Full PDB file with SEQRES, HELIX, SHEET, SSBOND, CRYST1, ORIGX, SCALE, CONECT and MASTER records, all heavy atoms in Angstrom:
SEQRES   1 A   40  THR GLN ILE SER LYS SER THR GLY SER SER THR MET VAL          
SEQRES   2 A   40  LEU LEU TYR SER ARG THR LYS GLU LEU SER PRO GLU ARG          
SEQRES   3 A   40  LEU GLU MET PHE THR GLN PHE SER ARG GLU GLN GLY LEU          
SEQRES   4 A   40  THR                                                          
HELIX    1 AA1 PRO A   24  GLU A   36  1                                  13    
SHEET    1 AA1 2 GLN A   2  LYS A   5  0                                        
SHEET    2 AA1 2 GLY A   8  THR A  11 -1                                        
CRYST1    1.000    1.000    1.000  90.00  90.00  90.00 P 1           1          
ORIGX1      1.000000  0.000000  0.000000        0.00000                         
ORIGX2      0.000000  1.000000  0.000000        0.00000                         
ORIGX3      0.000000  0.000000  1.000000        0.00000                         
SCALE1      1.000000  0.000000  0.000000        0.00000                         
SCALE2      0.000000  1.000000  0.000000        0.00000                         
SCALE3      0.000000  0.000000  1.000000        0.00000                         
ATOM      1  N   THR A   1      -2.657   2.272  -2.875  1.00  0.00           N  
ATOM      2  CA  THR A   1      -2.105   3.479  -2.266  1.00  0.00           C  
ATOM      3  C   THR A   1      -2.269   4.660  -3.202  1.00  0.00           C  
ATOM      4  O   THR A   1      -1.919   4.572  -4.385  1.00  0.00           O  
ATOM      5  CB  THR A   1      -0.602   3.281  -1.946  1.00  0.00           C  
ATOM      6  OG1 THR A   1      -0.452   2.140  -1.120  1.00  0.00           O  
ATOM      7  CG2 THR A   1      -0.030   4.492  -1.247  1.00  0.00           C  
ATOM      8  N   GLN A   2      -2.813   5.752  -2.670  1.00  0.00           N  
ATOM      9  CA  GLN A   2      -2.849   7.030  -3.374  1.00  0.00           C  
ATOM     10  C   GLN A   2      -1.655   7.823  -2.853  1.00  0.00           C  
ATOM     11  O   GLN A   2      -1.516   8.003  -1.642  1.00  0.00           O  
ATOM     12  CB  GLN A   2      -4.138   7.792  -3.079  1.00  0.00           C  
ATOM     13  CG  GLN A   2      -5.377   7.194  -3.697  1.00  0.00           C  
ATOM     14  CD  GLN A   2      -5.361   7.258  -5.205  1.00  0.00           C  
ATOM     15  OE1 GLN A   2      -5.490   6.243  -5.856  1.00  0.00           O  
ATOM     16  NE2 GLN A   2      -5.202   8.427  -5.779  1.00  0.00           N  
ATOM     17  N   ILE A   3      -0.788   8.282  -3.752  1.00  0.00           N  
ATOM     18  CA  ILE A   3       0.423   9.000  -3.376  1.00  0.00           C  
ATOM     19  C   ILE A   3       0.305  10.434  -3.870  1.00  0.00           C  
ATOM     20  O   ILE A   3       0.021  10.669  -5.038  1.00  0.00           O  
ATOM     21  CB  ILE A   3       1.668   8.320  -3.985  1.00  0.00           C  
ATOM     22  CG1 ILE A   3       1.719   6.853  -3.540  1.00  0.00           C  
ATOM     23  CG2 ILE A   3       2.942   9.067  -3.594  1.00  0.00           C  
ATOM     24  CD1 ILE A   3       2.668   5.987  -4.325  1.00  0.00           C  
ATOM     25  N   SER A   4       0.526  11.381  -2.943  1.00  0.00           N  
ATOM     26  CA  SER A   4       0.474  12.805  -3.291  1.00  0.00           C  
ATOM     27  C   SER A   4       1.814  13.440  -2.966  1.00  0.00           C  
ATOM     28  O   SER A   4       2.354  13.239  -1.882  1.00  0.00           O  
ATOM     29  CB  SER A   4      -0.605  13.516  -2.485  1.00  0.00           C  
ATOM     30  OG  SER A   4      -1.850  12.898  -2.673  1.00  0.00           O  
ATOM     31  N   LYS A   5       2.332  14.186  -3.930  1.00  0.00           N  
ATOM     32  CA  LYS A   5       3.533  14.985  -3.668  1.00  0.00           C  
ATOM     33  C   LYS A   5       3.435  16.267  -4.472  1.00  0.00           C  
ATOM     34  O   LYS A   5       2.500  16.455  -5.250  1.00  0.00           O  
ATOM     35  CB  LYS A   5       4.810  14.205  -3.962  1.00  0.00           C  
ATOM     36  CG  LYS A   5       4.931  13.603  -5.333  1.00  0.00           C  
ATOM     37  CD  LYS A   5       6.208  12.788  -5.414  1.00  0.00           C  
ATOM     38  CE  LYS A   5       6.374  12.164  -6.777  1.00  0.00           C  
ATOM     39  NZ  LYS A   5       7.594  11.394  -6.871  1.00  0.00           N  
ATOM     40  N   SER A   6       4.392  17.151  -4.283  1.00  0.00           N  
ATOM     41  CA  SER A   6       4.310  18.474  -4.886  1.00  0.00           C  
ATOM     42  C   SER A   6       4.233  18.423  -6.411  1.00  0.00           C  
ATOM     43  O   SER A   6       3.658  19.304  -7.030  1.00  0.00           O  
ATOM     44  CB  SER A   6       5.507  19.328  -4.456  1.00  0.00           C  
ATOM     45  OG  SER A   6       6.710  18.675  -4.835  1.00  0.00           O  
ATOM     46  N   THR A   7       4.769  17.379  -7.024  1.00  0.00           N  
ATOM     47  CA  THR A   7       4.771  17.280  -8.486  1.00  0.00           C  
ATOM     48  C   THR A   7       3.523  16.608  -9.044  1.00  0.00           C  
ATOM     49  O   THR A   7       3.396  16.441 -10.244  1.00  0.00           O  
ATOM     50  CB  THR A   7       6.019  16.507  -8.963  1.00  0.00           C  
ATOM     51  OG1 THR A   7       6.044  15.234  -8.312  1.00  0.00           O  
ATOM     52  CG2 THR A   7       7.298  17.262  -8.639  1.00  0.00           C  
ATOM     53  N   GLY A   8       2.607  16.170  -8.164  1.00  0.00           N  
ATOM     54  CA  GLY A   8       1.378  15.536  -8.624  1.00  0.00           C  
ATOM     55  C   GLY A   8       1.044  14.304  -7.800  1.00  0.00           C  
ATOM     56  O   GLY A   8       1.664  14.048  -6.768  1.00  0.00           O  
ATOM     57  N   SER A   9       0.070  13.544  -8.275  1.00  0.00           N  
ATOM     58  CA  SER A   9      -0.348  12.354  -7.531  1.00  0.00           C  
ATOM     59  C   SER A   9      -0.247  11.128  -8.428  1.00  0.00           C  
ATOM     60  O   SER A   9      -0.204  11.230  -9.652  1.00  0.00           O  
ATOM     61  CB  SER A   9      -1.766  12.523  -6.998  1.00  0.00           C  
ATOM     62  OG  SER A   9      -2.663  12.650  -8.071  1.00  0.00           O  
ATOM     63  N   SER A  10      -0.188   9.968  -7.774  1.00  0.00           N  
ATOM     64  CA  SER A  10      -0.134   8.710  -8.510  1.00  0.00           C  
ATOM     65  C   SER A  10      -0.846   7.634  -7.704  1.00  0.00           C  
ATOM     66  O   SER A  10      -1.169   7.825  -6.531  1.00  0.00           O  
ATOM     67  CB  SER A  10       1.317   8.303  -8.803  1.00  0.00           C  
ATOM     68  OG  SER A  10       2.048   8.141  -7.613  1.00  0.00           O  
ATOM     69  N   THR A  11      -1.075   6.516  -8.359  1.00  0.00           N  
ATOM     70  CA  THR A  11      -1.736   5.368  -7.749  1.00  0.00           C  
ATOM     71  C   THR A  11      -0.790   4.182  -7.803  1.00  0.00           C  
ATOM     72  O   THR A  11      -0.079   3.996  -8.793  1.00  0.00           O  
ATOM     73  CB  THR A  11      -3.024   5.030  -8.523  1.00  0.00           C  
ATOM     74  OG1 THR A  11      -3.896   6.158  -8.476  1.00  0.00           O  
ATOM     75  CG2 THR A  11      -3.731   3.819  -7.937  1.00  0.00           C  
ATOM     76  N   MET A  12      -0.798   3.388  -6.733  1.00  0.00           N  
ATOM     77  CA  MET A  12      -0.012   2.163  -6.714  1.00  0.00           C  
ATOM     78  C   MET A  12      -0.882   1.052  -6.140  1.00  0.00           C  
ATOM     79  O   MET A  12      -1.588   1.257  -5.165  1.00  0.00           O  
ATOM     80  CB  MET A  12       1.244   2.340  -5.866  1.00  0.00           C  
ATOM     81  CG  MET A  12       2.131   1.113  -5.847  1.00  0.00           C  
ATOM     82  SD  MET A  12       3.739   1.391  -5.048  1.00  0.00           S  
ATOM     83  CE  MET A  12       3.229   1.727  -3.374  1.00  0.00           C  
ATOM     84  N   VAL A  13      -0.830  -0.121  -6.769  1.00  0.00           N  
ATOM     85  CA  VAL A  13      -1.552  -1.295  -6.278  1.00  0.00           C  
ATOM     86  C   VAL A  13      -0.527  -2.406  -6.091  1.00  0.00           C  
ATOM     87  O   VAL A  13       0.301  -2.658  -6.975  1.00  0.00           O  
ATOM     88  CB  VAL A  13      -2.653  -1.744  -7.266  1.00  0.00           C  
ATOM     89  CG1 VAL A  13      -3.361  -2.994  -6.753  1.00  0.00           C  
ATOM     90  CG2 VAL A  13      -3.654  -0.621  -7.512  1.00  0.00           C  
ATOM     91  N   LEU A  14      -0.562  -3.049  -4.927  1.00  0.00           N  
ATOM     92  CA  LEU A  14       0.339  -4.159  -4.615  1.00  0.00           C  
ATOM     93  C   LEU A  14      -0.462  -5.419  -4.344  1.00  0.00           C  
ATOM     94  O   LEU A  14      -1.505  -5.353  -3.690  1.00  0.00           O  
ATOM     95  CB  LEU A  14       1.161  -3.836  -3.369  1.00  0.00           C  
ATOM     96  CG  LEU A  14       2.474  -3.087  -3.580  1.00  0.00           C  
ATOM     97  CD1 LEU A  14       2.932  -2.464  -2.284  1.00  0.00           C  
ATOM     98  CD2 LEU A  14       3.541  -4.015  -4.124  1.00  0.00           C  
ATOM     99  N   LEU A  15       0.041  -6.531  -4.836  1.00  0.00           N  
ATOM    100  CA  LEU A  15      -0.538  -7.831  -4.524  1.00  0.00           C  
ATOM    101  C   LEU A  15       0.503  -8.610  -3.728  1.00  0.00           C  
ATOM    102  O   LEU A  15       1.605  -8.876  -4.217  1.00  0.00           O  
ATOM    103  CB  LEU A  15      -0.896  -8.598  -5.800  1.00  0.00           C  
ATOM    104  CG  LEU A  15      -1.438 -10.011  -5.584  1.00  0.00           C  
ATOM    105  CD1 LEU A  15      -2.755  -9.991  -4.803  1.00  0.00           C  
ATOM    106  CD2 LEU A  15      -1.619 -10.724  -6.926  1.00  0.00           C  
ATOM    107  N   TYR A  16       0.162  -8.930  -2.489  1.00  0.00           N  
ATOM    108  CA  TYR A  16       1.035  -9.709  -1.619  1.00  0.00           C  
ATOM    109  C   TYR A  16       0.532 -11.146  -1.550  1.00  0.00           C  
ATOM    110  O   TYR A  16      -0.658 -11.398  -1.654  1.00  0.00           O  
ATOM    111  CB  TYR A  16       1.033  -9.143  -0.196  1.00  0.00           C  
ATOM    112  CG  TYR A  16       1.717  -7.809  -0.041  1.00  0.00           C  
ATOM    113  CD1 TYR A  16       0.978  -6.665   0.227  1.00  0.00           C  
ATOM    114  CD2 TYR A  16       3.105  -7.698  -0.125  1.00  0.00           C  
ATOM    115  CE1 TYR A  16       1.603  -5.440   0.396  1.00  0.00           C  
ATOM    116  CE2 TYR A  16       3.729  -6.470   0.046  1.00  0.00           C  
ATOM    117  CZ  TYR A  16       2.974  -5.347   0.308  1.00  0.00           C  
ATOM    118  OH  TYR A  16       3.603  -4.138   0.472  1.00  0.00           O  
ATOM    119  N   SER A  17       1.475 -12.062  -1.315  1.00  0.00           N  
ATOM    120  CA  SER A  17       1.133 -13.473  -1.155  1.00  0.00           C  
ATOM    121  C   SER A  17       1.966 -14.054  -0.016  1.00  0.00           C  
ATOM    122  O   SER A  17       3.095 -13.619   0.216  1.00  0.00           O  
ATOM    123  CB  SER A  17       1.446 -14.227  -2.454  1.00  0.00           C  
ATOM    124  OG  SER A  17       1.275 -15.620  -2.279  1.00  0.00           O  
ATOM    125  N   ARG A  18       1.430 -15.034   0.670  1.00  0.00           N  
ATOM    126  CA  ARG A  18       2.187 -15.715   1.730  1.00  0.00           C  
ATOM    127  C   ARG A  18       3.233 -16.660   1.137  1.00  0.00           C  
ATOM    128  O   ARG A  18       4.171 -17.041   1.810  1.00  0.00           O  
ATOM    129  CB  ARG A  18       1.242 -16.498   2.644  1.00  0.00           C  
ATOM    130  CG  ARG A  18       0.308 -15.640   3.463  1.00  0.00           C  
ATOM    131  CD  ARG A  18       1.021 -14.881   4.554  1.00  0.00           C  
ATOM    132  NE  ARG A  18       0.055 -14.231   5.438  1.00  0.00           N  
ATOM    133  CZ  ARG A  18       0.388 -13.450   6.439  1.00  0.00           C  
ATOM    134  NH1 ARG A  18       1.660 -13.193   6.686  1.00  0.00           N  
ATOM    135  NH2 ARG A  18      -0.541 -12.895   7.191  1.00  0.00           N  
ATOM    136  N   THR A  19       3.057 -17.037  -0.141  1.00  0.00           N  
ATOM    137  CA  THR A  19       4.019 -17.890  -0.840  1.00  0.00           C  
ATOM    138  C   THR A  19       4.505 -17.149  -2.085  1.00  0.00           C  
ATOM    139  O   THR A  19       3.959 -16.103  -2.436  1.00  0.00           O  
ATOM    140  CB  THR A  19       3.377 -19.228  -1.254  1.00  0.00           C  
ATOM    141  OG1 THR A  19       2.299 -18.947  -2.163  1.00  0.00           O  
ATOM    142  CG2 THR A  19       2.846 -19.996  -0.051  1.00  0.00           C  
ATOM    143  N   LYS A  20       5.497 -17.700  -2.756  1.00  0.00           N  
ATOM    144  CA  LYS A  20       6.064 -17.024  -3.929  1.00  0.00           C  
ATOM    145  C   LYS A  20       5.224 -17.192  -5.196  1.00  0.00           C  
ATOM    146  O   LYS A  20       5.592 -16.679  -6.241  1.00  0.00           O  
ATOM    147  CB  LYS A  20       7.495 -17.502  -4.180  1.00  0.00           C  
ATOM    148  CG  LYS A  20       8.461 -17.016  -3.120  1.00  0.00           C  
ATOM    149  CD  LYS A  20       9.893 -17.354  -3.489  1.00  0.00           C  
ATOM    150  CE  LYS A  20      10.849 -16.766  -2.470  1.00  0.00           C  
ATOM    151  NZ  LYS A  20      12.239 -16.953  -2.882  1.00  0.00           N  
ATOM    152  N   GLU A  21       4.110 -17.913  -5.087  1.00  0.00           N  
ATOM    153  CA  GLU A  21       3.231 -18.082  -6.249  1.00  0.00           C  
ATOM    154  C   GLU A  21       1.777 -17.943  -5.811  1.00  0.00           C  
ATOM    155  O   GLU A  21       1.432 -18.274  -4.682  1.00  0.00           O  
ATOM    156  CB  GLU A  21       3.453 -19.451  -6.892  1.00  0.00           C  
ATOM    157  CG  GLU A  21       4.821 -19.590  -7.509  1.00  0.00           C  
ATOM    158  CD  GLU A  21       5.010 -20.922  -8.207  1.00  0.00           C  
ATOM    159  OE1 GLU A  21       4.009 -21.629  -8.443  1.00  0.00           O  
ATOM    160  OE2 GLU A  21       6.159 -21.250  -8.519  1.00  0.00           O  
ATOM    161  N   LEU A  22       0.956 -17.439  -6.729  1.00  0.00           N  
ATOM    162  CA  LEU A  22      -0.477 -17.312  -6.481  1.00  0.00           C  
ATOM    163  C   LEU A  22      -1.238 -17.900  -7.660  1.00  0.00           C  
ATOM    164  O   LEU A  22      -0.717 -17.980  -8.767  1.00  0.00           O  
ATOM    165  CB  LEU A  22      -0.867 -15.838  -6.328  1.00  0.00           C  
ATOM    166  CG  LEU A  22      -0.934 -15.269  -4.925  1.00  0.00           C  
ATOM    167  CD1 LEU A  22      -1.301 -13.793  -4.973  1.00  0.00           C  
ATOM    168  CD2 LEU A  22      -1.898 -16.006  -4.038  1.00  0.00           C  
ATOM    169  N   SER A  23      -2.476 -18.248  -7.417  1.00  0.00           N  
ATOM    170  CA  SER A  23      -3.313 -18.823  -8.476  1.00  0.00           C  
ATOM    171  C   SER A  23      -3.576 -17.790  -9.574  1.00  0.00           C  
ATOM    172  O   SER A  23      -3.564 -16.582  -9.323  1.00  0.00           O  
ATOM    173  CB  SER A  23      -4.649 -19.279  -7.885  1.00  0.00           C  
ATOM    174  OG  SER A  23      -5.424 -18.146  -7.520  1.00  0.00           O  
ATOM    175  N   PRO A  24      -3.832 -18.267 -10.800  1.00  0.00           N  
ATOM    176  CA  PRO A  24      -4.176 -17.357 -11.893  1.00  0.00           C  
ATOM    177  C   PRO A  24      -5.396 -16.494 -11.562  1.00  0.00           C  
ATOM    178  O   PRO A  24      -5.480 -15.343 -11.992  1.00  0.00           O  
ATOM    179  CB  PRO A  24      -4.469 -18.296 -13.066  1.00  0.00           C  
ATOM    180  CG  PRO A  24      -3.728 -19.555 -12.742  1.00  0.00           C  
ATOM    181  CD  PRO A  24      -3.730 -19.650 -11.243  1.00  0.00           C  
ATOM    182  N   GLU A  25      -6.329 -17.022 -10.767  1.00  0.00           N  
ATOM    183  CA  GLU A  25      -7.525 -16.248 -10.392  1.00  0.00           C  
ATOM    184  C   GLU A  25      -7.152 -15.027  -9.544  1.00  0.00           C  
ATOM    185  O   GLU A  25      -7.706 -13.941  -9.719  1.00  0.00           O  
ATOM    186  CB  GLU A  25      -8.520 -17.123  -9.624  1.00  0.00           C  
ATOM    187  CG  GLU A  25      -9.143 -18.245 -10.435  1.00  0.00           C  
ATOM    188  CD  GLU A  25      -8.243 -19.472 -10.593  1.00  0.00           C  
ATOM    189  OE1 GLU A  25      -7.285 -19.645  -9.805  1.00  0.00           O  
ATOM    190  OE2 GLU A  25      -8.492 -20.246 -11.531  1.00  0.00           O  
ATOM    191  N   ARG A  26      -6.206 -15.201  -8.620  1.00  0.00           N  
ATOM    192  CA  ARG A  26      -5.760 -14.078  -7.775  1.00  0.00           C  
ATOM    193  C   ARG A  26      -4.990 -13.052  -8.605  1.00  0.00           C  
ATOM    194  O   ARG A  26      -5.144 -11.860  -8.409  1.00  0.00           O  
ATOM    195  CB  ARG A  26      -4.894 -14.575  -6.617  1.00  0.00           C  
ATOM    196  CG  ARG A  26      -5.626 -15.481  -5.653  1.00  0.00           C  
ATOM    197  CD  ARG A  26      -6.654 -14.728  -4.842  1.00  0.00           C  
ATOM    198  NE  ARG A  26      -7.255 -15.638  -3.868  1.00  0.00           N  
ATOM    199  CZ  ARG A  26      -8.513 -15.626  -3.530  1.00  0.00           C  
ATOM    200  NH1 ARG A  26      -9.341 -14.752  -4.077  1.00  0.00           N  
ATOM    201  NH2 ARG A  26      -8.974 -16.463  -2.640  1.00  0.00           N  
ATOM    202  N   LEU A  27      -4.174 -13.535  -9.540  1.00  0.00           N  
ATOM    203  CA  LEU A  27      -3.435 -12.615 -10.412  1.00  0.00           C  
ATOM    204  C   LEU A  27      -4.398 -11.813 -11.277  1.00  0.00           C  
ATOM    205  O   LEU A  27      -4.220 -10.600 -11.471  1.00  0.00           O  
ATOM    206  CB  LEU A  27      -2.443 -13.390 -11.287  1.00  0.00           C  
ATOM    207  CG  LEU A  27      -1.343 -14.150 -10.546  1.00  0.00           C  
ATOM    208  CD1 LEU A  27      -0.493 -14.949 -11.536  1.00  0.00           C  
ATOM    209  CD2 LEU A  27      -0.485 -13.226  -9.711  1.00  0.00           C  
ATOM    210  N   GLU A  28      -5.452 -12.471 -11.764  1.00  0.00           N  
ATOM    211  CA  GLU A  28      -6.459 -11.780 -12.578  1.00  0.00           C  
ATOM    212  C   GLU A  28      -7.227 -10.763 -11.732  1.00  0.00           C  
ATOM    213  O   GLU A  28      -7.548  -9.670 -12.207  1.00  0.00           O  
ATOM    214  CB  GLU A  28      -7.412 -12.794 -13.217  1.00  0.00           C  
ATOM    215  CG  GLU A  28      -8.504 -12.169 -14.074  1.00  0.00           C  
ATOM    216  CD  GLU A  28      -7.985 -11.293 -15.211  1.00  0.00           C  
ATOM    217  OE1 GLU A  28      -6.889 -11.554 -15.744  1.00  0.00           O  
ATOM    218  OE2 GLU A  28      -8.678 -10.314 -15.553  1.00  0.00           O  
ATOM    219  N   MET A  29      -7.523 -11.100 -10.471  1.00  0.00           N  
ATOM    220  CA  MET A  29      -8.193 -10.169  -9.566  1.00  0.00           C  
ATOM    221  C   MET A  29      -7.350  -8.895  -9.401  1.00  0.00           C  
ATOM    222  O   MET A  29      -7.863  -7.782  -9.474  1.00  0.00           O  
ATOM    223  CB  MET A  29      -8.403 -10.836  -8.201  1.00  0.00           C  
ATOM    224  CG  MET A  29      -8.939  -9.929  -7.118  1.00  0.00           C  
ATOM    225  SD  MET A  29      -8.728 -10.621  -5.446  1.00  0.00           S  
ATOM    226  CE  MET A  29      -6.953 -10.536  -5.275  1.00  0.00           C  
ATOM    227  N   PHE A  30      -6.038  -9.061  -9.221  1.00  0.00           N  
ATOM    228  CA  PHE A  30      -5.105  -7.937  -9.096  1.00  0.00           C  
ATOM    229  C   PHE A  30      -5.107  -7.085 -10.372  1.00  0.00           C  
ATOM    230  O   PHE A  30      -5.214  -5.859 -10.313  1.00  0.00           O  
ATOM    231  CB  PHE A  30      -3.699  -8.477  -8.798  1.00  0.00           C  
ATOM    232  CG  PHE A  30      -2.588  -7.526  -9.113  1.00  0.00           C  
ATOM    233  CD1 PHE A  30      -2.343  -6.424  -8.306  1.00  0.00           C  
ATOM    234  CD2 PHE A  30      -1.771  -7.735 -10.215  1.00  0.00           C  
ATOM    235  CE1 PHE A  30      -1.310  -5.544  -8.596  1.00  0.00           C  
ATOM    236  CE2 PHE A  30      -0.742  -6.871 -10.515  1.00  0.00           C  
ATOM    237  CZ  PHE A  30      -0.504  -5.770  -9.703  1.00  0.00           C  
ATOM    238  N   THR A  31      -5.011  -7.743 -11.522  1.00  0.00           N  
ATOM    239  CA  THR A  31      -4.993  -7.032 -12.800  1.00  0.00           C  
ATOM    240  C   THR A  31      -6.293  -6.265 -13.009  1.00  0.00           C  
ATOM    241  O   THR A  31      -6.288  -5.090 -13.387  1.00  0.00           O  
ATOM    242  CB  THR A  31      -4.758  -8.024 -13.960  1.00  0.00           C  
ATOM    243  OG1 THR A  31      -3.502  -8.680 -13.737  1.00  0.00           O  
ATOM    244  CG2 THR A  31      -4.737  -7.332 -15.297  1.00  0.00           C  
ATOM    245  N   GLN A  32      -7.414  -6.911 -12.737  1.00  0.00           N  
ATOM    246  CA  GLN A  32      -8.718  -6.277 -12.923  1.00  0.00           C  
ATOM    247  C   GLN A  32      -8.886  -5.082 -11.991  1.00  0.00           C  
ATOM    248  O   GLN A  32      -9.345  -4.021 -12.410  1.00  0.00           O  
ATOM    249  CB  GLN A  32      -9.839  -7.301 -12.700  1.00  0.00           C  
ATOM    250  CG  GLN A  32     -11.207  -6.797 -13.092  1.00  0.00           C  
ATOM    251  CD  GLN A  32     -11.273  -6.377 -14.558  1.00  0.00           C  
ATOM    252  OE1 GLN A  32     -10.739  -7.043 -15.435  1.00  0.00           O  
ATOM    253  NE2 GLN A  32     -11.913  -5.256 -14.827  1.00  0.00           N  
ATOM    254  N   PHE A  33      -8.526  -5.236 -10.716  1.00  0.00           N  
ATOM    255  CA  PHE A  33      -8.646  -4.134  -9.767  1.00  0.00           C  
ATOM    256  C   PHE A  33      -7.744  -2.971 -10.189  1.00  0.00           C  
ATOM    257  O   PHE A  33      -8.147  -1.804 -10.113  1.00  0.00           O  
ATOM    258  CB  PHE A  33      -8.295  -4.584  -8.344  1.00  0.00           C  
ATOM    259  CG  PHE A  33      -8.369  -3.460  -7.352  1.00  0.00           C  
ATOM    260  CD1 PHE A  33      -9.596  -3.036  -6.851  1.00  0.00           C  
ATOM    261  CD2 PHE A  33      -7.219  -2.798  -6.934  1.00  0.00           C  
ATOM    262  CE1 PHE A  33      -9.678  -1.977  -5.963  1.00  0.00           C  
ATOM    263  CE2 PHE A  33      -7.291  -1.737  -6.046  1.00  0.00           C  
ATOM    264  CZ  PHE A  33      -8.521  -1.332  -5.555  1.00  0.00           C  
ATOM    265  N   SER A  34      -6.536  -3.273 -10.653  1.00  0.00           N  
ATOM    266  CA  SER A  34      -5.618  -2.220 -11.101  1.00  0.00           C  
ATOM    267  C   SER A  34      -6.217  -1.437 -12.263  1.00  0.00           C  
ATOM    268  O   SER A  34      -6.144  -0.205 -12.300  1.00  0.00           O  
ATOM    269  CB  SER A  34      -4.268  -2.825 -11.503  1.00  0.00           C  
ATOM    270  OG  SER A  34      -3.654  -3.450 -10.394  1.00  0.00           O  
ATOM    271  N   ARG A  35      -6.833  -2.156 -13.200  1.00  0.00           N  
ATOM    272  CA  ARG A  35      -7.502  -1.482 -14.325  1.00  0.00           C  
ATOM    273  C   ARG A  35      -8.646  -0.596 -13.829  1.00  0.00           C  
ATOM    274  O   ARG A  35      -8.860   0.499 -14.345  1.00  0.00           O  
ATOM    275  CB  ARG A  35      -8.033  -2.516 -15.316  1.00  0.00           C  
ATOM    276  CG  ARG A  35      -6.962  -3.200 -16.121  1.00  0.00           C  
ATOM    277  CD  ARG A  35      -7.571  -4.242 -17.045  1.00  0.00           C  
ATOM    278  NE  ARG A  35      -6.546  -4.986 -17.763  1.00  0.00           N  
ATOM    279  CZ  ARG A  35      -6.633  -6.275 -18.048  1.00  0.00           C  
ATOM    280  NH1 ARG A  35      -7.701  -6.975 -17.685  1.00  0.00           N  
ATOM    281  NH2 ARG A  35      -5.664  -6.874 -18.694  1.00  0.00           N  
ATOM    282  N   GLU A  36      -9.386  -1.080 -12.828  1.00  0.00           N  
ATOM    283  CA  GLU A  36     -10.493  -0.285 -12.270  1.00  0.00           C  
ATOM    284  C   GLU A  36      -9.988   1.003 -11.613  1.00  0.00           C  
ATOM    285  O   GLU A  36     -10.734   1.983 -11.499  1.00  0.00           O  
ATOM    286  CB  GLU A  36     -11.276  -1.110 -11.237  1.00  0.00           C  
ATOM    287  CG  GLU A  36     -12.095  -2.223 -11.853  1.00  0.00           C  
ATOM    288  CD  GLU A  36     -12.630  -3.210 -10.814  1.00  0.00           C  
ATOM    289  OE1 GLU A  36     -12.499  -2.954  -9.601  1.00  0.00           O  
ATOM    290  OE2 GLU A  36     -13.176  -4.250 -11.240  1.00  0.00           O  
ATOM    291  N   GLN A  37      -8.728   1.017 -11.197  1.00  0.00           N  
ATOM    292  CA  GLN A  37      -8.125   2.215 -10.607  1.00  0.00           C  
ATOM    293  C   GLN A  37      -7.559   3.139 -11.681  1.00  0.00           C  
ATOM    294  O   GLN A  37      -6.903   4.132 -11.371  1.00  0.00           O  
ATOM    295  CB  GLN A  37      -7.031   1.834  -9.602  1.00  0.00           C  
ATOM    296  CG  GLN A  37      -7.513   0.965  -8.455  1.00  0.00           C  
ATOM    297  CD  GLN A  37      -8.758   1.527  -7.793  1.00  0.00           C  
ATOM    298  OE1 GLN A  37      -8.766   2.659  -7.309  1.00  0.00           O  
ATOM    299  NE2 GLN A  37      -9.832   0.743  -7.774  1.00  0.00           N  
ATOM    300  N   GLY A  38      -7.782   2.791 -12.946  1.00  0.00           N  
ATOM    301  CA  GLY A  38      -7.345   3.640 -14.049  1.00  0.00           C  
ATOM    302  C   GLY A  38      -5.957   3.317 -14.569  1.00  0.00           C  
ATOM    303  O   GLY A  38      -5.417   4.064 -15.386  1.00  0.00           O  
ATOM    304  N   LEU A  39      -5.370   2.207 -14.123  1.00  0.00           N  
ATOM    305  CA  LEU A  39      -4.036   1.831 -14.588  1.00  0.00           C  
ATOM    306  C   LEU A  39      -4.146   1.011 -15.871  1.00  0.00           C  
ATOM    307  O   LEU A  39      -5.073   0.234 -16.046  1.00  0.00           O  
ATOM    308  CB  LEU A  39      -3.306   1.045 -13.499  1.00  0.00           C  
ATOM    309  CG  LEU A  39      -3.112   1.822 -12.185  1.00  0.00           C  
ATOM    310  CD1 LEU A  39      -2.585   0.914 -11.091  1.00  0.00           C  
ATOM    311  CD2 LEU A  39      -2.193   3.010 -12.390  1.00  0.00           C  
ATOM    312  N   THR A  40      -3.182   1.215 -16.766  1.00  0.00           N  
ATOM    313  CA  THR A  40      -3.171   0.506 -18.043  1.00  0.00           C  
ATOM    314  C   THR A  40      -2.341  -0.773 -17.925  1.00  0.00           C  
ATOM    315  O   THR A  40      -1.583  -0.948 -16.966  1.00  0.00           O  
ATOM    316  CB  THR A  40      -2.563   1.388 -19.146  1.00  0.00           C  
ATOM    317  OG1 THR A  40      -1.178   1.614 -18.831  1.00  0.00           O  
ATOM    318  CG2 THR A  40      -3.297   2.726 -19.259  1.00  0.00           C  
TER     319      THR A  40                                                      
MASTER        0    0    0    1    2    0    0    6  318    1    0    4          
END                                                                             
């Protein structure tokens, strides 16, 4: 999600799962994609 408001803009990335746990590969995919969006 790209969020724009009067004070500026921000980025948010969410990882959803059908269960309360996900494989390490999916967690790494989320982390990698977040980094690609410029998040530390």
